[in-house]
Each structure stands twice: as C-alpha cells, then as structure tokens.
Amino acid sequence: MKQIRFITVICSLILTLCVLFGGYYLYDRYFIRDGLREQISQLVTAQEINIEKQDNSSVVSIRSAEIDDFQSVYQKTAKLVYQSLGPQAEIVFLDERTENLSMLYEECNFIIHEGIATGKFQDMRTQVLNLADQEGVQCDLSIDSSNIYLVLKDDQGYLYEVIPRIKQLDGWEKLGGDMVD
C-alpha cells in the first residue's frame, strides 16, 4: 500500500513539474518573445529579430535596413525591451559596417569618450562631424541624458553605435577605483 502511494506521489510531482515548466516555456516563447518581436516590428522594419537568454539577462538583436531616426527608434525599442525583459536586457542593432566605417568609429571613439569625460559635447560633435566629413562619410551624432548615438553611412554600408554617457560599473568597481566588498 505504501509502495503505491509513493509511486503516485512521485508521478504527480513529475507531472506537476512538467506542466509548470511547459507552461513557463509557452508563456515565455509565445507571449513574451513573440509579443516583443511584434511590437519591435511596428517600430522598425526589421529583417531579423533574435531574442536570446544568456545567464541572468537577455540579448535582443535587431537587423534592419538603414534607420532614419536611430535615436528615436533605439529609445522606443529600449522602453519595450526593458518593460518585457527587465533593465538587465541588452539591445544590439546589427549593422552593415565596413572596414572603413569601423576604422572611422575607432577614431571617433576617443573623441566621444573625451567629450563624455570633459562634458564638452559641442566640441565633441564638431570634431566627429569634421572627421567624418574628411573621410567622405555621412555622420549623425545625437545625445540624450543616458547615451550618445552615432550613425555613420557611406556607399558600402552603415554603422550604428550607442555609447553610454555614464560608465556602467561592475559589481566590484566604483568611482575612484576602490574595491567594493
């Protein structure tokens, strides 16, 4: 008699766990991820939207043709993603960068980080636009309270970068370089 009850309890436990995990999978797959894909598709004409879970966060990768107002699209997309997946989610706009655009971005990167450190954003903008103009590349540089948005375009491709204005600190680091226990 005890053997039958024990087997019944184990079977019930396994069945309950299968239903719970299956329900969570369906909820995550069809309600969260597919719903988020649909909402993002309404903001930007996306060729591909991938949502991948990595450790305790998610990465949303979006491949799209050229975007006219990148800052606005990024901000609206970020709001949707953070509401659905939480603030630890990462958003990546996949671009068609060429070697020329990548090299120009590396040159602009120093100017941008100097602008962030000094707060001289107008000088930063002027220097980046002049550098892009010298290379014959169309440049759009915009800023908000959280990020700097850089779009570089030439005949062969385009590059999107979002640079945080405030350095995101790891758990062991804080301003001043001291260690946090």
N, C-alpha and C. Protein backbone atom coordinates (compact mmCIF):
# COMPACT_ATOMS: atom_id res chain seq x y z
N MET A 1 0.82 -1.20 0.00
CA MET A 1 0.00 0.00 0.00
C MET A 1 0.86 1.26 0.00
N LYS A 2 1.90 1.29 0.85
CA LYS A 2 2.79 2.45 0.89
C LYS A 2 3.54 2.60 -0.42
N GLN A 3 3.86 1.47 -1.07
CA GLN A 3 4.57 1.49 -2.34
C GLN A 3 3.72 2.19 -3.41
N ILE A 4 2.43 1.92 -3.43
CA ILE A 4 1.53 2.53 -4.41
C ILE A 4 1.42 4.03 -4.16
N ARG A 5 1.30 4.45 -2.91
CA ARG A 5 1.21 5.88 -2.60
C ARG A 5 2.50 6.61 -2.97
N PHE A 6 3.61 5.99 -2.69
CA PHE A 6 4.90 6.60 -3.01
C PHE A 6 5.04 6.79 -4.52
N ILE A 7 4.67 5.80 -5.30
CA ILE A 7 4.74 5.90 -6.77
C ILE A 7 3.76 6.96 -7.26
N THR A 8 2.58 7.03 -6.68
CA THR A 8 1.59 8.03 -7.06
C THR A 8 2.10 9.44 -6.77
N VAL A 9 2.72 9.63 -5.63
CA VAL A 9 3.27 10.94 -5.26
C VAL A 9 4.38 11.34 -6.23
N ILE A 10 5.28 10.42 -6.54
CA ILE A 10 6.38 10.71 -7.46
C ILE A 10 5.85 11.05 -8.85
N CYS A 11 4.90 10.28 -9.33
CA CYS A 11 4.30 10.55 -10.65
C CYS A 11 3.60 11.90 -10.67
N SER A 12 2.87 12.21 -9.60
CA SER A 12 2.19 13.50 -9.51
C SER A 12 3.19 14.65 -9.49
N LEU A 13 4.28 14.48 -8.78
CA LEU A 13 5.32 15.51 -8.71
C LEU A 13 5.95 15.73 -10.09
N ILE A 14 6.27 14.65 -10.76
CA ILE A 14 6.88 14.77 -12.10
C ILE A 14 5.90 15.42 -13.07
N LEU A 15 4.64 15.03 -13.04
CA LEU A 15 3.63 15.60 -13.91
C LEU A 15 3.44 17.10 -13.62
N THR A 16 3.41 17.46 -12.35
CA THR A 16 3.26 18.87 -11.97
C THR A 16 4.44 19.70 -12.47
N LEU A 17 5.65 19.19 -12.28
CA LEU A 17 6.84 19.91 -12.76
C LEU A 17 6.83 20.06 -14.28
N CYS A 18 6.42 19.01 -14.99
CA CYS A 18 6.34 19.09 -16.45
C CYS A 18 5.33 20.15 -16.89
N VAL A 19 4.19 20.19 -16.24
CA VAL A 19 3.17 21.19 -16.57
C VAL A 19 3.67 22.60 -16.27
N LEU A 20 4.32 22.78 -15.12
CA LEU A 20 4.83 24.10 -14.75
C LEU A 20 5.92 24.58 -15.72
N PHE A 21 6.90 23.74 -15.98
CA PHE A 21 7.98 24.14 -16.89
C PHE A 21 7.47 24.31 -18.32
N GLY A 22 6.56 23.45 -18.73
CA GLY A 22 5.97 23.58 -20.06
C GLY A 22 5.16 24.86 -20.18
N GLY A 23 4.40 25.18 -19.15
CA GLY A 23 3.63 26.42 -19.15
C GLY A 23 4.52 27.64 -19.19
N TYR A 24 5.60 27.61 -18.42
CA TYR A 24 6.53 28.74 -18.44
C TYR A 24 7.18 28.89 -19.81
N TYR A 25 7.56 27.76 -20.41
CA TYR A 25 8.17 27.81 -21.74
C TYR A 25 7.20 28.42 -22.75
N LEU A 26 5.95 27.98 -22.74
CA LEU A 26 4.96 28.51 -23.68
C LEU A 26 4.70 29.99 -23.42
N TYR A 27 4.60 30.38 -22.16
CA TYR A 27 4.40 31.79 -21.80
C TYR A 27 5.57 32.64 -22.30
N ASP A 28 6.79 32.18 -22.02
CA ASP A 28 7.98 32.93 -22.43
C ASP A 28 8.08 32.98 -23.95
N ARG A 29 7.85 31.88 -24.60
CA ARG A 29 8.04 31.80 -26.05
C ARG A 29 6.98 32.60 -26.81
N TYR A 30 5.71 32.35 -26.52
CA TYR A 30 4.64 32.92 -27.33
C TYR A 30 4.11 34.25 -26.82
N PHE A 31 4.10 34.45 -25.53
CA PHE A 31 3.56 35.71 -25.01
C PHE A 31 4.64 36.78 -24.93
N ILE A 32 5.76 36.47 -24.31
CA ILE A 32 6.81 37.47 -24.11
C ILE A 32 7.60 37.70 -25.39
N ARG A 33 8.27 36.67 -25.90
CA ARG A 33 9.18 36.85 -27.03
C ARG A 33 8.46 37.21 -28.33
N ASP A 34 7.44 36.45 -28.69
CA ASP A 34 6.74 36.76 -29.94
C ASP A 34 6.01 38.09 -29.85
N GLY A 35 5.45 38.40 -28.68
CA GLY A 35 4.81 39.70 -28.50
C GLY A 35 5.80 40.84 -28.63
N LEU A 36 6.99 40.66 -28.06
CA LEU A 36 8.03 41.68 -28.16
C LEU A 36 8.49 41.83 -29.60
N ARG A 37 8.67 40.72 -30.31
CA ARG A 37 9.06 40.79 -31.73
C ARG A 37 8.03 41.59 -32.53
N GLU A 38 6.77 41.34 -32.27
CA GLU A 38 5.70 42.04 -33.00
C GLU A 38 5.72 43.54 -32.69
N GLN A 39 5.92 43.89 -31.43
CA GLN A 39 5.96 45.31 -31.05
C GLN A 39 7.17 46.01 -31.67
N ILE A 40 8.32 45.35 -31.68
CA ILE A 40 9.52 45.94 -32.28
C ILE A 40 9.32 46.10 -33.79
N SER A 41 8.67 45.13 -34.42
CA SER A 41 8.42 45.20 -35.86
C SER A 41 7.54 46.38 -36.23
N GLN A 42 6.71 46.83 -35.30
CA GLN A 42 5.89 48.01 -35.55
C GLN A 42 6.70 49.29 -35.50
N LEU A 43 7.83 49.28 -34.77
CA LEU A 43 8.69 50.46 -34.66
C LEU A 43 9.66 50.59 -35.82
N VAL A 44 10.21 49.46 -36.26
CA VAL A 44 11.26 49.47 -37.27
C VAL A 44 11.03 48.30 -38.22
N THR A 45 11.29 48.53 -39.49
CA THR A 45 11.18 47.46 -40.46
C THR A 45 12.37 46.53 -40.28
N ALA A 46 12.16 45.48 -39.53
CA ALA A 46 13.26 44.59 -39.17
C ALA A 46 13.31 43.40 -40.11
N GLN A 47 14.53 43.08 -40.54
CA GLN A 47 14.74 41.88 -41.35
C GLN A 47 14.85 40.66 -40.44
N GLU A 48 15.33 40.88 -39.22
CA GLU A 48 15.56 39.78 -38.30
C GLU A 48 15.55 40.32 -36.87
N ILE A 49 14.85 39.62 -35.98
CA ILE A 49 14.84 39.95 -34.56
C ILE A 49 15.10 38.66 -33.78
N ASN A 50 16.19 38.63 -33.04
CA ASN A 50 16.54 37.46 -32.23
C ASN A 50 16.53 37.86 -30.76
N ILE A 51 15.92 37.01 -29.95
CA ILE A 51 15.91 37.22 -28.50
C ILE A 51 16.53 35.98 -27.87
N GLU A 52 17.68 36.16 -27.25
CA GLU A 52 18.40 35.03 -26.66
C GLU A 52 18.61 35.28 -25.17
N LYS A 53 18.42 34.23 -24.39
CA LYS A 53 18.70 34.33 -22.95
C LYS A 53 20.14 33.94 -22.71
N GLN A 54 20.83 34.75 -21.93
CA GLN A 54 22.22 34.46 -21.55
C GLN A 54 22.36 34.72 -20.07
N ASP A 55 22.63 33.68 -19.31
CA ASP A 55 22.76 33.77 -17.85
C ASP A 55 21.52 34.43 -17.26
N ASN A 56 21.68 35.60 -16.64
CA ASN A 56 20.56 36.28 -16.00
C ASN A 56 20.00 37.42 -16.82
N SER A 57 20.40 37.52 -18.08
CA SER A 57 19.91 38.61 -18.91
C SER A 57 19.52 38.08 -20.28
N SER A 58 18.99 38.96 -21.08
CA SER A 58 18.60 38.62 -22.45
C SER A 58 19.28 39.58 -23.40
N VAL A 59 19.54 39.09 -24.61
CA VAL A 59 20.12 39.92 -25.66
C VAL A 59 19.12 39.97 -26.81
N VAL A 60 18.72 41.18 -27.18
CA VAL A 60 17.81 41.38 -28.30
C VAL A 60 18.63 41.94 -29.45
N SER A 61 18.74 41.15 -30.53
CA SER A 61 19.49 41.56 -31.71
C SER A 61 18.51 41.90 -32.82
N ILE A 62 18.68 43.08 -33.41
CA ILE A 62 17.77 43.55 -34.45
C ILE A 62 18.58 43.88 -35.69
N ARG A 63 18.23 43.24 -36.80
CA ARG A 63 18.85 43.56 -38.08
C ARG A 63 17.79 44.27 -38.92
N SER A 64 18.16 45.45 -39.39
CA SER A 64 17.22 46.26 -40.15
C SER A 64 17.97 46.96 -41.26
N ALA A 65 17.23 47.38 -42.26
CA ALA A 65 17.83 48.25 -43.27
C ALA A 65 18.14 49.58 -42.58
N GLU A 66 18.66 50.52 -43.32
CA GLU A 66 19.04 51.79 -42.72
C GLU A 66 17.86 52.43 -41.98
N ILE A 67 18.14 52.99 -40.82
CA ILE A 67 17.13 53.61 -39.96
C ILE A 67 17.30 55.12 -40.04
N ASP A 68 16.21 55.83 -40.30
CA ASP A 68 16.28 57.28 -40.46
C ASP A 68 16.56 58.01 -39.15
N ASP A 69 15.78 57.74 -38.11
CA ASP A 69 15.95 58.42 -36.83
C ASP A 69 16.37 57.38 -35.78
N PHE A 70 17.65 57.06 -35.77
CA PHE A 70 18.16 55.96 -34.93
C PHE A 70 17.91 56.21 -33.45
N GLN A 71 18.13 57.43 -32.98
CA GLN A 71 17.95 57.72 -31.55
C GLN A 71 16.51 57.44 -31.12
N SER A 72 15.55 57.90 -31.86
CA SER A 72 14.15 57.70 -31.51
C SER A 72 13.78 56.22 -31.54
N VAL A 73 14.23 55.51 -32.58
CA VAL A 73 13.94 54.08 -32.69
C VAL A 73 14.58 53.32 -31.53
N TYR A 74 15.81 53.66 -31.19
CA TYR A 74 16.50 52.97 -30.10
C TYR A 74 15.78 53.22 -28.77
N GLN A 75 15.40 54.46 -28.50
CA GLN A 75 14.73 54.79 -27.24
C GLN A 75 13.40 54.05 -27.11
N LYS A 76 12.61 54.02 -28.17
CA LYS A 76 11.32 53.32 -28.13
C LYS A 76 11.51 51.81 -27.99
N THR A 77 12.51 51.28 -28.70
CA THR A 77 12.81 49.86 -28.60
C THR A 77 13.28 49.50 -27.20
N ALA A 78 14.15 50.33 -26.64
CA ALA A 78 14.67 50.09 -25.29
C ALA A 78 13.53 50.07 -24.27
N LYS A 79 12.59 50.98 -24.41
CA LYS A 79 11.46 51.03 -23.48
C LYS A 79 10.66 49.72 -23.54
N LEU A 80 10.38 49.24 -24.75
CA LEU A 80 9.65 47.98 -24.90
C LEU A 80 10.43 46.80 -24.33
N VAL A 81 11.72 46.74 -24.66
CA VAL A 81 12.55 45.62 -24.22
C VAL A 81 12.68 45.61 -22.70
N TYR A 82 12.93 46.75 -22.10
CA TYR A 82 13.11 46.81 -20.65
C TYR A 82 11.81 46.49 -19.91
N GLN A 83 10.66 46.89 -20.48
CA GLN A 83 9.39 46.55 -19.86
C GLN A 83 9.12 45.04 -19.91
N SER A 84 9.50 44.41 -21.02
CA SER A 84 9.23 42.98 -21.19
C SER A 84 10.27 42.08 -20.53
N LEU A 85 11.55 42.44 -20.66
CA LEU A 85 12.63 41.54 -20.24
C LEU A 85 13.41 42.04 -19.03
N GLY A 86 13.16 43.27 -18.61
CA GLY A 86 13.87 43.82 -17.46
C GLY A 86 15.03 44.71 -17.87
N PRO A 87 15.52 45.52 -16.93
CA PRO A 87 16.56 46.50 -17.25
C PRO A 87 17.93 45.89 -17.53
N GLN A 88 18.12 44.62 -17.23
CA GLN A 88 19.41 43.99 -17.50
C GLN A 88 19.52 43.52 -18.95
N ALA A 89 18.47 43.63 -19.72
CA ALA A 89 18.49 43.19 -21.13
C ALA A 89 19.42 44.09 -21.94
N GLU A 90 20.00 43.51 -22.97
CA GLU A 90 20.91 44.25 -23.85
C GLU A 90 20.28 44.33 -25.24
N ILE A 91 20.40 45.49 -25.87
CA ILE A 91 19.85 45.70 -27.20
C ILE A 91 21.00 45.92 -28.17
N VAL A 92 21.00 45.16 -29.26
CA VAL A 92 22.06 45.27 -30.26
C VAL A 92 21.41 45.47 -31.62
N PHE A 93 21.73 46.59 -32.26
CA PHE A 93 21.30 46.81 -33.64
C PHE A 93 22.43 46.33 -34.54
N LEU A 94 22.16 45.29 -35.31
CA LEU A 94 23.16 44.74 -36.22
C LEU A 94 23.21 45.62 -37.47
N ASP A 95 24.40 46.00 -37.86
CA ASP A 95 24.55 46.92 -38.97
C ASP A 95 25.36 46.27 -40.08
N GLU A 96 25.61 47.03 -41.12
CA GLU A 96 26.40 46.57 -42.26
C GLU A 96 27.68 47.40 -42.29
N ARG A 97 28.52 47.23 -41.28
CA ARG A 97 29.71 48.06 -41.17
C ARG A 97 30.81 47.54 -42.08
N THR A 98 31.51 48.49 -42.65
CA THR A 98 32.66 48.17 -43.50
C THR A 98 33.93 48.44 -42.70
N GLU A 99 35.05 48.03 -43.24
CA GLU A 99 36.33 48.26 -42.56
C GLU A 99 36.58 49.76 -42.42
N ASN A 100 36.23 50.53 -43.45
CA ASN A 100 36.41 51.98 -43.41
C ASN A 100 35.57 52.60 -42.29
N LEU A 101 34.32 52.17 -42.17
CA LEU A 101 33.45 52.70 -41.11
C LEU A 101 33.94 52.28 -39.73
N SER A 102 34.42 51.06 -39.60
CA SER A 102 34.94 50.59 -38.31
C SER A 102 36.17 51.38 -37.90
N MET A 103 37.05 51.65 -38.85
CA MET A 103 38.25 52.44 -38.53
C MET A 103 37.88 53.87 -38.15
N LEU A 104 36.91 54.44 -38.86
CA LEU A 104 36.45 55.79 -38.52
C LEU A 104 35.81 55.81 -37.13
N TYR A 105 35.04 54.77 -36.81
CA TYR A 105 34.43 54.69 -35.48
C TYR A 105 35.51 54.65 -34.40
N GLU A 106 36.56 53.88 -34.62
CA GLU A 106 37.65 53.81 -33.64
C GLU A 106 38.28 55.18 -33.44
N GLU A 107 38.42 55.96 -34.50
CA GLU A 107 38.96 57.31 -34.37
C GLU A 107 37.99 58.22 -33.63
N CYS A 108 36.70 58.08 -33.93
CA CYS A 108 35.68 58.90 -33.27
C CYS A 108 35.50 58.52 -31.81
N ASN A 109 35.75 57.27 -31.49
CA ASN A 109 35.54 56.76 -30.14
C ASN A 109 36.34 57.55 -29.10
N PHE A 110 37.58 57.86 -29.42
CA PHE A 110 38.41 58.64 -28.50
C PHE A 110 37.81 60.03 -28.28
N ILE A 111 37.39 60.66 -29.36
CA ILE A 111 36.79 62.00 -29.27
C ILE A 111 35.51 61.95 -28.44
N ILE A 112 34.70 60.92 -28.66
CA ILE A 112 33.43 60.80 -27.94
C ILE A 112 33.67 60.59 -26.44
N HIS A 113 34.60 59.72 -26.10
CA HIS A 113 34.86 59.48 -24.67
C HIS A 113 35.53 60.68 -24.00
N GLU A 114 36.30 61.42 -24.75
CA GLU A 114 36.85 62.67 -24.21
C GLU A 114 35.72 63.66 -23.95
N GLY A 115 34.76 63.72 -24.87
CA GLY A 115 33.60 64.60 -24.68
C GLY A 115 32.78 64.20 -23.47
N ILE A 116 32.63 62.89 -23.26
CA ILE A 116 31.89 62.41 -22.08
C ILE A 116 32.63 62.80 -20.80
N ALA A 117 33.95 62.63 -20.81
CA ALA A 117 34.75 62.92 -19.61
C ALA A 117 34.80 64.40 -19.29
N THR A 118 34.88 65.24 -20.32
CA THR A 118 35.02 66.68 -20.08
C THR A 118 33.68 67.41 -20.06
N GLY A 119 32.66 66.81 -20.67
CA GLY A 119 31.37 67.48 -20.75
C GLY A 119 31.29 68.48 -21.89
N LYS A 120 32.29 68.52 -22.74
CA LYS A 120 32.30 69.45 -23.88
C LYS A 120 31.68 68.76 -25.10
N PHE A 121 30.37 68.64 -25.06
CA PHE A 121 29.68 67.88 -26.10
C PHE A 121 29.64 68.62 -27.44
N GLN A 122 29.57 69.92 -27.40
CA GLN A 122 29.55 70.68 -28.66
C GLN A 122 30.89 70.53 -29.39
N ASP A 123 32.00 70.60 -28.65
CA ASP A 123 33.31 70.38 -29.26
C ASP A 123 33.42 68.96 -29.81
N MET A 124 32.92 68.00 -29.04
CA MET A 124 32.93 66.61 -29.47
C MET A 124 32.18 66.45 -30.78
N ARG A 125 31.00 67.03 -30.85
CA ARG A 125 30.16 66.93 -32.06
C ARG A 125 30.88 67.54 -33.26
N THR A 126 31.45 68.71 -33.07
CA THR A 126 32.15 69.38 -34.17
C THR A 126 33.32 68.54 -34.67
N GLN A 127 34.10 68.00 -33.75
CA GLN A 127 35.26 67.19 -34.14
C GLN A 127 34.85 65.91 -34.86
N VAL A 128 33.82 65.24 -34.37
CA VAL A 128 33.36 63.99 -35.00
C VAL A 128 32.80 64.28 -36.40
N LEU A 129 31.99 65.32 -36.53
CA LEU A 129 31.43 65.66 -37.84
C LEU A 129 32.52 66.04 -38.83
N ASN A 130 33.53 66.79 -38.37
CA ASN A 130 34.64 67.17 -39.25
C ASN A 130 35.44 65.94 -39.68
N LEU A 131 35.69 65.04 -38.76
CA LEU A 131 36.44 63.82 -39.07
C LEU A 131 35.68 62.97 -40.09
N ALA A 132 34.38 62.83 -39.90
CA ALA A 132 33.56 62.06 -40.85
C ALA A 132 33.53 62.74 -42.22
N ASP A 133 33.43 64.06 -42.22
CA ASP A 133 33.41 64.80 -43.48
C ASP A 133 34.72 64.63 -44.25
N GLN A 134 35.84 64.62 -43.53
CA GLN A 134 37.15 64.41 -44.17
C GLN A 134 37.23 63.04 -44.83
N GLU A 135 36.55 62.05 -44.25
CA GLU A 135 36.57 60.69 -44.80
C GLU A 135 35.48 60.47 -45.85
N GLY A 136 34.64 61.49 -46.07
CA GLY A 136 33.55 61.36 -47.04
C GLY A 136 32.42 60.47 -46.56
N VAL A 137 32.19 60.48 -45.25
CA VAL A 137 31.18 59.63 -44.63
C VAL A 137 30.09 60.51 -44.04
N GLN A 138 28.84 60.12 -44.26
CA GLN A 138 27.72 60.84 -43.67
C GLN A 138 27.63 60.45 -42.19
N CYS A 139 27.49 61.45 -41.32
CA CYS A 139 27.51 61.20 -39.88
C CYS A 139 26.30 61.85 -39.22
N ASP A 140 25.68 61.12 -38.31
CA ASP A 140 24.62 61.66 -37.47
C ASP A 140 25.01 61.36 -36.03
N LEU A 141 25.17 62.39 -35.23
CA LEU A 141 25.56 62.24 -33.84
C LEU A 141 24.53 62.96 -32.99
N SER A 142 23.87 62.21 -32.10
CA SER A 142 22.87 62.82 -31.23
C SER A 142 23.10 62.33 -29.81
N ILE A 143 22.45 63.01 -28.88
CA ILE A 143 22.73 62.77 -27.46
C ILE A 143 21.44 62.92 -26.66
N ASP A 144 21.32 62.15 -25.60
CA ASP A 144 20.27 62.37 -24.61
C ASP A 144 20.91 62.24 -23.23
N SER A 145 20.11 62.15 -22.19
CA SER A 145 20.67 62.13 -20.84
C SER A 145 21.40 60.83 -20.51
N SER A 146 21.17 59.77 -21.29
CA SER A 146 21.79 58.48 -20.99
C SER A 146 22.85 58.04 -21.98
N ASN A 147 22.66 58.34 -23.26
CA ASN A 147 23.51 57.78 -24.31
C ASN A 147 23.91 58.81 -25.36
N ILE A 148 24.92 58.43 -26.12
CA ILE A 148 25.30 59.14 -27.34
C ILE A 148 25.06 58.18 -28.48
N TYR A 149 24.38 58.65 -29.52
CA TYR A 149 24.00 57.81 -30.66
C TYR A 149 24.81 58.24 -31.87
N LEU A 150 25.53 57.30 -32.46
CA LEU A 150 26.38 57.59 -33.61
C LEU A 150 25.94 56.72 -34.78
N VAL A 151 25.68 57.38 -35.91
CA VAL A 151 25.35 56.68 -37.15
C VAL A 151 26.33 57.16 -38.21
N LEU A 152 27.05 56.21 -38.81
CA LEU A 152 27.97 56.51 -39.90
C LEU A 152 27.50 55.77 -41.14
N LYS A 153 27.44 56.47 -42.28
CA LYS A 153 26.98 55.86 -43.53
C LYS A 153 27.93 56.24 -44.66
N ASP A 154 28.21 55.25 -45.51
CA ASP A 154 28.90 55.54 -46.77
C ASP A 154 28.24 54.70 -47.86
N ASP A 155 28.84 54.66 -49.03
CA ASP A 155 28.22 53.96 -50.16
C ASP A 155 28.14 52.45 -49.96
N GLN A 156 29.03 51.89 -49.15
CA GLN A 156 29.08 50.44 -48.98
C GLN A 156 28.31 49.93 -47.76
N GLY A 157 28.08 50.76 -46.76
CA GLY A 157 27.43 50.26 -45.56
C GLY A 157 27.05 51.34 -44.58
N TYR A 158 26.68 50.91 -43.39
CA TYR A 158 26.28 51.83 -42.32
C TYR A 158 26.64 51.20 -40.98
N LEU A 159 26.83 52.05 -39.99
CA LEU A 159 27.26 51.63 -38.66
C LEU A 159 26.39 52.33 -37.62
N TYR A 160 25.89 51.57 -36.64
CA TYR A 160 25.13 52.12 -35.52
C TYR A 160 25.88 51.82 -34.24
N GLU A 161 26.05 52.84 -33.41
CA GLU A 161 26.66 52.65 -32.09
C GLU A 161 25.90 53.46 -31.06
N VAL A 162 25.69 52.87 -29.90
CA VAL A 162 25.10 53.55 -28.75
C VAL A 162 26.15 53.52 -27.66
N ILE A 163 26.61 54.70 -27.26
CA ILE A 163 27.67 54.81 -26.26
C ILE A 163 27.05 55.39 -24.98
N PRO A 164 27.10 54.64 -23.87
CA PRO A 164 26.54 55.17 -22.62
C PRO A 164 27.32 56.41 -22.16
N ARG A 165 26.60 57.42 -21.71
CA ARG A 165 27.26 58.64 -21.21
C ARG A 165 27.87 58.42 -19.85
N ILE A 166 27.28 57.54 -19.06
CA ILE A 166 27.80 57.25 -17.73
C ILE A 166 28.30 55.82 -17.76
N LYS A 167 29.53 55.63 -17.32
CA LYS A 167 30.12 54.29 -17.34
C LYS A 167 29.29 53.36 -16.45
N GLN A 168 28.92 52.22 -17.01
CA GLN A 168 28.18 51.22 -16.25
C GLN A 168 29.19 50.44 -15.42
N LEU A 169 29.08 50.52 -14.11
CA LEU A 169 30.06 49.91 -13.23
C LEU A 169 29.74 48.45 -12.98
N ASP A 170 30.79 47.65 -12.89
CA ASP A 170 30.64 46.25 -12.50
C ASP A 170 30.40 46.21 -10.99
N GLY A 171 30.04 45.04 -10.47
CA GLY A 171 29.76 44.91 -9.05
C GLY A 171 30.95 45.19 -8.16
N TRP A 172 32.17 45.02 -8.63
CA TRP A 172 33.36 45.18 -7.79
C TRP A 172 34.01 46.55 -7.95
N GLU A 173 33.45 47.39 -8.75
CA GLU A 173 34.11 48.64 -9.08
C GLU A 173 33.21 49.82 -8.70
N LYS A 174 33.83 50.91 -8.29
CA LYS A 174 33.08 52.13 -8.09
C LYS A 174 33.99 53.30 -8.43
N LEU A 175 33.45 54.49 -8.48
CA LEU A 175 34.26 55.65 -8.81
C LEU A 175 35.42 55.80 -7.84
N GLY A 176 36.56 56.20 -8.34
CA GLY A 176 37.74 56.35 -7.51
C GLY A 176 38.63 55.14 -7.55
N GLY A 177 38.17 54.04 -8.13
CA GLY A 177 38.99 52.86 -8.28
C GLY A 177 39.09 51.99 -7.05
N ASP A 178 38.34 52.29 -5.99
CA ASP A 178 38.38 51.47 -4.78
C ASP A 178 37.62 50.17 -5.01
N MET A 179 37.99 49.17 -4.28
CA MET A 179 37.30 47.88 -4.37
C MET A 179 36.09 47.88 -3.43
N VAL A 180 35.01 47.29 -3.89
CA VAL A 180 33.81 47.15 -3.09
C VAL A 180 33.75 45.71 -2.61
N ASP A 181 33.54 45.52 -1.32
CA ASP A 181 33.48 44.15 -0.77
C ASP A 181 32.21 43.45 -1.18
